[in-house]
């Protein structure tokens, strides 16, 4: 309950009038009415005297559970927002690193090699930011490390190792493996590390 509700309930339970409270504290009845409606709050001195009149103590009278709940909800909202940014950032990081490296190393887009390197660089920066946040929240286990290594291998090395003579097919198959790794990492780790619900 709020301070206003506590004052009103204690006064009514003790069968005291607003006028009596006002007289005892040397204030107007309207001031007491404002306290009880939540339009204003008593000063520290009035609060101490009010607690004595209402046969309680200040800490019981000032129940901050509602304010604490508001703060908790606000913090939860900020946490969700942060987690959403990190989760989206992680997906973007992998997508940009993969696309940037594919575009640069495949030789299929020779007209714009620096464009792909810029995408790759942005992806690496996002990967660093999200990895740093992840390391503060979660200790990686062997399976997560193994899937991460397979994902990195599929981005950087697998396309050149596949036996097909068409570059596009090699990169497509390696991208499929990368996508499978991302799905596994998300289902098993990322969505729990960065909860958005």
C-alpha atoms as a PDB file:
ATOM      1  CA  UNK A   1       0.000   0.000   0.000  1.00  0.00           C
ATOM      2  CA  UNK A   2       1.014   3.608  -0.498  1.00  0.00           C
ATOM      3  CA  UNK A   3       1.705   6.113   2.247  1.00  0.00           C
ATOM      4  CA  UNK A   4      -1.656   7.788   1.540  1.00  0.00           C
ATOM      5  CA  UNK A   5      -3.529   4.504   1.908  1.00  0.00           C
ATOM      6  CA  UNK A   6      -1.663   3.622   5.087  1.00  0.00           C
ATOM      7  CA  UNK A   7      -2.487   6.973   6.707  1.00  0.00           C
ATOM      8  CA  UNK A   8      -6.175   6.727   5.802  1.00  0.00           C
ATOM      9  CA  UNK A   9      -6.540   3.070   6.857  1.00  0.00           C
ATOM     10  CA  UNK A  10      -4.769   3.576  10.195  1.00  0.00           C
ATOM     11  CA  UNK A  11      -6.855   6.685  10.959  1.00  0.00           C
ATOM     12  CA  UNK A  12     -10.131   4.901  10.130  1.00  0.00           C
ATOM     13  CA  UNK A  13      -9.148   1.778  12.099  1.00  0.00           C
ATOM     14  CA  UNK A  14      -8.411   3.939  15.137  1.00  0.00           C
ATOM     15  CA  UNK A  15     -11.701   5.839  14.567  1.00  0.00           C
ATOM     16  CA  UNK A  16      -9.930   9.198  14.401  1.00  0.00           C
ATOM     17  CA  UNK A  17     -11.213  12.103  12.344  1.00  0.00           C
ATOM     18  CA  UNK A  18      -9.160  14.183   9.948  1.00  0.00           C
ATOM     19  CA  UNK A  19      -9.950  17.184  12.183  1.00  0.00           C
ATOM     20  CA  UNK A  20      -8.488  15.442  15.225  1.00  0.00           C
ATOM     21  CA  UNK A  21      -5.283  14.575  13.355  1.00  0.00           C
ATOM     22  CA  UNK A  22      -5.047  18.130  12.047  1.00  0.00           C
ATOM     23  CA  UNK A  23      -5.566  19.643  15.538  1.00  0.00           C
ATOM     24  CA  UNK A  24      -2.945  17.377  17.094  1.00  0.00           C
ATOM     25  CA  UNK A  25      -0.374  18.253  14.448  1.00  0.00           C
ATOM     26  CA  UNK A  26      -1.284  21.935  14.247  1.00  0.00           C
ATOM     27  CA  UNK A  27      -2.159  21.830  10.581  1.00  0.00           C
ATOM     28  CA  UNK A  28      -5.341  22.213   8.518  1.00  0.00           C
ATOM     29  CA  UNK A  29      -7.807  19.397   7.890  1.00  0.00           C
ATOM     30  CA  UNK A  30      -7.252  19.954   4.144  1.00  0.00           C
ATOM     31  CA  UNK A  31      -3.575  19.055   4.580  1.00  0.00           C
ATOM     32  CA  UNK A  32      -4.555  15.705   6.113  1.00  0.00           C
ATOM     33  CA  UNK A  33      -7.067  15.160   3.297  1.00  0.00           C
ATOM     34  CA  UNK A  34      -4.302  15.817   0.737  1.00  0.00           C
ATOM     35  CA  UNK A  35      -2.050  13.274   2.453  1.00  0.00           C
ATOM     36  CA  UNK A  36      -4.805  10.682   2.325  1.00  0.00           C
ATOM     37  CA  UNK A  37      -5.563  11.347  -1.328  1.00  0.00           C
ATOM     38  CA  UNK A  38      -1.879  11.205  -2.250  1.00  0.00           C
ATOM     39  CA  UNK A  39      -1.820  14.798  -3.501  1.00  0.00           C
ATOM     40  CA  UNK A  40       0.933  15.677  -1.021  1.00  0.00           C
ATOM     41  CA  UNK A  41       3.046  13.967   1.621  1.00  0.00           C
ATOM     42  CA  UNK A  42       3.776  14.968   5.206  1.00  0.00           C
ATOM     43  CA  UNK A  43       7.131  16.491   6.099  1.00  0.00           C
ATOM     44  CA  UNK A  44       9.593  14.343   8.062  1.00  0.00           C
ATOM     45  CA  UNK A  45       8.608  16.052  11.328  1.00  0.00           C
ATOM     46  CA  UNK A  46       4.869  15.654  10.650  1.00  0.00           C
ATOM     47  CA  UNK A  47       5.417  12.047   9.602  1.00  0.00           C
ATOM     48  CA  UNK A  48       7.113  11.199  12.895  1.00  0.00           C
ATOM     49  CA  UNK A  49       4.292  12.822  14.913  1.00  0.00           C
ATOM     50  CA  UNK A  50       1.673  11.204  12.679  1.00  0.00           C
ATOM     51  CA  UNK A  51       3.175   7.749  13.281  1.00  0.00           C
ATOM     52  CA  UNK A  52       2.845   8.298  17.060  1.00  0.00           C
ATOM     53  CA  UNK A  53      -0.775   9.484  16.680  1.00  0.00           C
ATOM     54  CA  UNK A  54      -1.621   6.474  14.522  1.00  0.00           C
ATOM     55  CA  UNK A  55       0.084   4.103  16.995  1.00  0.00           C
ATOM     56  CA  UNK A  56       2.593   2.776  14.499  1.00  0.00           C
ATOM     57  CA  UNK A  57       6.136   3.519  13.425  1.00  0.00           C
ATOM     58  CA  UNK A  58       7.357   5.515  10.465  1.00  0.00           C
ATOM     59  CA  UNK A  59       8.737   2.483   8.588  1.00  0.00           C
ATOM     60  CA  UNK A  60       5.365   0.693   8.731  1.00  0.00           C
ATOM     61  CA  UNK A  61       3.536   3.849   7.741  1.00  0.00           C
ATOM     62  CA  UNK A  62       5.814   4.501   4.788  1.00  0.00           C
ATOM     63  CA  UNK A  63       5.369   1.262   2.870  1.00  0.00           C
ATOM     64  CA  UNK A  64       7.563   1.584  -0.214  1.00  0.00           C
ATOM     65  CA  UNK A  65       6.675  -1.773  -1.722  1.00  0.00           C
ATOM     66  CA  UNK A  66       4.751  -0.034  -4.508  1.00  0.00           C
ATOM     67  CA  UNK A  67       7.692   2.232  -5.302  1.00  0.00           C
ATOM     68  CA  UNK A  68      10.026  -0.741  -5.188  1.00  0.00           C
ATOM     69  CA  UNK A  69       7.745  -2.561  -7.620  1.00  0.00           C
ATOM     70  CA  UNK A  70       7.753   0.457  -9.959  1.00  0.00           C
ATOM     71  CA  UNK A  71      11.565   0.533  -9.834  1.00  0.00           C
ATOM     72  CA  UNK A  72      11.724  -3.227 -10.463  1.00  0.00           C
ATOM     73  CA  UNK A  73       9.395  -2.919 -13.461  1.00  0.00           C
ATOM     74  CA  UNK A  74      11.397   0.004 -14.831  1.00  0.00           C
ATOM     75  CA  UNK A  75      14.655  -1.932 -14.433  1.00  0.00           C
ATOM     76  CA  UNK A  76      13.054  -4.981 -16.039  1.00  0.00           C
ATOM     77  CA  UNK A  77      12.033  -2.841 -19.016  1.00  0.00           C
ATOM     78  CA  UNK A  78      15.571  -1.485 -19.369  1.00  0.00           C
ATOM     79  CA  UNK A  79      16.985  -5.004 -19.073  1.00  0.00           C
ATOM     80  CA  UNK A  80      14.614  -6.272 -21.792  1.00  0.00           C
ATOM     81  CA  UNK A  81      15.566  -3.381 -24.050  1.00  0.00           C
ATOM     82  CA  UNK A  82      19.283  -4.060 -23.506  1.00  0.00           C
ATOM     83  CA  UNK A  83      18.793  -7.794 -24.122  1.00  0.00           C
ATOM     84  CA  UNK A  84      16.875  -7.107 -27.349  1.00  0.00           C
ATOM     85  CA  UNK A  85      19.720  -4.930 -28.613  1.00  0.00           C
ATOM     86  CA  UNK A  86      22.298  -7.585 -27.731  1.00  0.00           C
ATOM     87  CA  UNK A  87      20.321 -10.425 -29.306  1.00  0.00           C
ATOM     88  CA  UNK A  88      19.670  -8.493 -32.523  1.00  0.00           C
ATOM     89  CA  UNK A  89      23.289  -7.340 -32.475  1.00  0.00           C
ATOM     90  CA  UNK A  90      24.497 -10.940 -32.241  1.00  0.00           C
ATOM     91  CA  UNK A  91      22.413 -12.050 -35.226  1.00  0.00           C
ATOM     92  CA  UNK A  92      23.561  -9.003 -37.221  1.00  0.00           C
ATOM     93  CA  UNK A  93      27.169  -9.653 -36.249  1.00  0.00           C
ATOM     94  CA  UNK A  94      27.111 -13.189 -37.633  1.00  0.00           C
ATOM     95  CA  UNK A  95      25.178 -12.124 -40.748  1.00  0.00           C
ATOM     96  CA  UNK A  96      27.545  -9.226 -41.496  1.00  0.00           C
ATOM     97  CA  UNK A  97      30.720 -11.218 -40.846  1.00  0.00           C
ATOM     98  CA  UNK A  98      29.422 -14.038 -43.025  1.00  0.00           C
ATOM     99  CA  UNK A  99      28.155 -11.792 -45.846  1.00  0.00           C
ATOM    100  CA  UNK A 100      31.212  -9.542 -45.732  1.00  0.00           C
ATOM    101  CA  UNK A 101      33.647 -12.427 -45.876  1.00  0.00           C
ATOM    102  CA  UNK A 102      31.638 -14.262 -48.556  1.00  0.00           C
ATOM    103  CA  UNK A 103      31.515 -11.149 -50.707  1.00  0.00           C
ATOM    104  CA  UNK A 104      35.205 -10.376 -50.272  1.00  0.00           C
ATOM    105  CA  UNK A 105      36.717 -13.860 -50.479  1.00  0.00           C
ATOM    106  CA  UNK A 106      34.491 -15.479 -53.105  1.00  0.00           C
ATOM    107  CA  UNK A 107      35.713 -13.367 -55.980  1.00  0.00           C
ATOM    108  CA  UNK A 108      32.129 -13.161 -57.244  1.00  0.00           C
ATOM    109  CA  UNK A 109      31.909  -9.450 -56.482  1.00  0.00           C
ATOM    110  CA  UNK A 110      35.319  -8.165 -57.544  1.00  0.00           C
ATOM    111  CA  UNK A 111      34.026  -4.679 -58.370  1.00  0.00           C
ATOM    112  CA  UNK A 112      33.337  -3.802 -54.708  1.00  0.00           C
ATOM    113  CA  UNK A 113      35.930  -5.556 -52.488  1.00  0.00           C
ATOM    114  CA  UNK A 114      36.116  -2.724 -49.937  1.00  0.00           C
ATOM    115  CA  UNK A 115      32.350  -2.632 -49.552  1.00  0.00           C
ATOM    116  CA  UNK A 116      32.458  -6.231 -48.309  1.00  0.00           C
ATOM    117  CA  UNK A 117      35.361  -5.483 -45.987  1.00  0.00           C
ATOM    118  CA  UNK A 118      33.380  -2.620 -44.427  1.00  0.00           C
ATOM    119  CA  UNK A 119      30.443  -4.975 -43.783  1.00  0.00           C
ATOM    120  CA  UNK A 120      32.869  -7.528 -42.379  1.00  0.00           C
ATOM    121  CA  UNK A 121      34.432  -4.898 -40.090  1.00  0.00           C
ATOM    122  CA  UNK A 122      31.046  -3.767 -38.747  1.00  0.00           C
ATOM    123  CA  UNK A 123      30.182  -7.410 -38.076  1.00  0.00           C
ATOM    124  CA  UNK A 124      33.445  -7.943 -36.165  1.00  0.00           C
ATOM    125  CA  UNK A 125      32.746  -4.857 -34.009  1.00  0.00           C
ATOM    126  CA  UNK A 126      29.219  -6.105 -33.224  1.00  0.00           C
ATOM    127  CA  UNK A 127      30.622  -9.571 -32.493  1.00  0.00           C
ATOM    128  CA  UNK A 128      33.106  -8.049 -30.027  1.00  0.00           C
ATOM    129  CA  UNK A 129      30.423  -5.955 -28.259  1.00  0.00           C
ATOM    130  CA  UNK A 130      27.978  -8.841 -27.911  1.00  0.00           C
ATOM    131  CA  UNK A 131      30.710 -11.311 -26.907  1.00  0.00           C
ATOM    132  CA  UNK A 132      31.852  -8.951 -24.156  1.00  0.00           C
ATOM    133  CA  UNK A 133      28.311  -8.647 -22.817  1.00  0.00           C
ATOM    134  CA  UNK A 134      27.819 -12.409 -23.062  1.00  0.00           C
ATOM    135  CA  UNK A 135      31.014 -13.121 -21.110  1.00  0.00           C
ATOM    136  CA  UNK A 136      29.742 -10.964 -18.226  1.00  0.00           C
ATOM    137  CA  UNK A 137      26.485 -12.946 -18.016  1.00  0.00           C
ATOM    138  CA  UNK A 138      27.417 -16.472 -19.004  1.00  0.00           C
ATOM    139  CA  UNK A 139      30.274 -18.931 -18.783  1.00  0.00           C
ATOM    140  CA  UNK A 140      30.625 -20.847 -22.043  1.00  0.00           C
ATOM    141  CA  UNK A 141      30.480 -24.632 -21.947  1.00  0.00           C
ATOM    142  CA  UNK A 142      32.228 -27.098 -24.288  1.00  0.00           C
ATOM    143  CA  UNK A 143      29.256 -27.588 -26.577  1.00  0.00           C
ATOM    144  CA  UNK A 144      28.835 -23.845 -27.101  1.00  0.00           C
ATOM    145  CA  UNK A 145      32.551 -23.455 -27.858  1.00  0.00           C
ATOM    146  CA  UNK A 146      32.441 -26.403 -30.281  1.00  0.00           C
ATOM    147  CA  UNK A 147      29.422 -25.027 -32.196  1.00  0.00           C
ATOM    148  CA  UNK A 148      31.052 -21.577 -32.274  1.00  0.00           C
ATOM    149  CA  UNK A 149      34.253 -23.049 -33.734  1.00  0.00           C
ATOM    150  CA  UNK A 150      32.252 -24.946 -36.371  1.00  0.00           C
ATOM    151  CA  UNK A 151      30.438 -21.708 -37.245  1.00  0.00           C
ATOM    152  CA  UNK A 152      33.714 -19.789 -37.630  1.00  0.00           C
ATOM    153  CA  UNK A 153      35.201 -22.663 -39.657  1.00  0.00           C
ATOM    154  CA  UNK A 154      32.141 -22.701 -41.947  1.00  0.00           C
ATOM    155  CA  UNK A 155      32.432 -18.949 -42.563  1.00  0.00           C
ATOM    156  CA  UNK A 156      36.183 -18.683 -43.191  1.00  0.00           C
ATOM    157  CA  UNK A 157      37.515 -22.055 -44.350  1.00  0.00           C
ATOM    158  CA  UNK A 158      34.793 -24.454 -45.512  1.00  0.00           C
ATOM    159  CA  UNK A 159      33.962 -22.729 -48.844  1.00  0.00           C
ATOM    160  CA  UNK A 160      37.532 -23.260 -50.104  1.00  0.00           C
ATOM    161  CA  UNK A 161      37.604 -26.889 -48.892  1.00  0.00           C
ATOM    162  CA  UNK A 162      34.398 -28.147 -50.475  1.00  0.00           C
ATOM    163  CA  UNK A 163      34.959 -30.258 -53.594  1.00  0.00           C
ATOM    164  CA  UNK A 164      32.380 -28.608 -55.847  1.00  0.00           C
ATOM    165  CA  UNK A 165      33.734 -26.640 -58.771  1.00  0.00           C
ATOM    166  CA  UNK A 166      31.102 -23.910 -58.566  1.00  0.00           C
ATOM    167  CA  UNK A 167      32.043 -21.195 -56.067  1.00  0.00           C
ATOM    168  CA  UNK A 168      28.400 -20.259 -55.489  1.00  0.00           C
ATOM    169  CA  UNK A 169      27.486 -23.795 -54.381  1.00  0.00           C
ATOM    170  CA  UNK A 170      30.462 -23.986 -52.003  1.00  0.00           C
ATOM    171  CA  UNK A 171      29.502 -20.706 -50.353  1.00  0.00           C
ATOM    172  CA  UNK A 172      25.829 -21.653 -50.260  1.00  0.00           C
ATOM    173  CA  UNK A 173      26.559 -24.939 -48.457  1.00  0.00           C
ATOM    174  CA  UNK A 174      28.894 -23.255 -45.991  1.00  0.00           C
ATOM    175  CA  UNK A 175      26.235 -20.590 -45.347  1.00  0.00           C
ATOM    176  CA  UNK A 176      23.719 -23.358 -44.611  1.00  0.00           C
ATOM    177  CA  UNK A 177      26.055 -24.834 -41.999  1.00  0.00           C
ATOM    178  CA  UNK A 178      26.576 -21.351 -40.517  1.00  0.00           C
ATOM    179  CA  UNK A 179      22.793 -20.895 -40.296  1.00  0.00           C
ATOM    180  CA  UNK A 180      22.402 -24.264 -38.535  1.00  0.00           C
ATOM    181  CA  UNK A 181      25.078 -23.231 -35.997  1.00  0.00           C
ATOM    182  CA  UNK A 182      23.318 -19.893 -35.400  1.00  0.00           C
ATOM    183  CA  UNK A 183      19.980 -21.658 -34.848  1.00  0.00           C
ATOM    184  CA  UNK A 184      21.564 -24.093 -32.370  1.00  0.00           C
ATOM    185  CA  UNK A 185      23.358 -21.294 -30.488  1.00  0.00           C
ATOM    186  CA  UNK A 186      20.187 -19.231 -30.320  1.00  0.00           C
ATOM    187  CA  UNK A 187      17.934 -22.068 -29.178  1.00  0.00           C
ATOM    188  CA  UNK A 188      20.367 -23.374 -26.580  1.00  0.00           C
ATOM    189  CA  UNK A 189      22.150 -20.199 -25.378  1.00  0.00           C
ATOM    190  CA  UNK A 190      21.485 -16.742 -26.795  1.00  0.00           C
ATOM    191  CA  UNK A 191      17.772 -16.503 -26.034  1.00  0.00           C
ATOM    192  CA  UNK A 192      18.471 -17.507 -22.412  1.00  0.00           C
ATOM    193  CA  UNK A 193      21.447 -15.214 -21.981  1.00  0.00           C
ATOM    194  CA  UNK A 194      19.526 -12.246 -23.417  1.00  0.00           C
ATOM    195  CA  UNK A 195      15.951 -12.847 -22.278  1.00  0.00           C
ATOM    196  CA  UNK A 196      13.471 -10.490 -23.907  1.00  0.00           C
ATOM    197  CA  UNK A 197      10.289 -11.789 -22.229  1.00  0.00           C
END
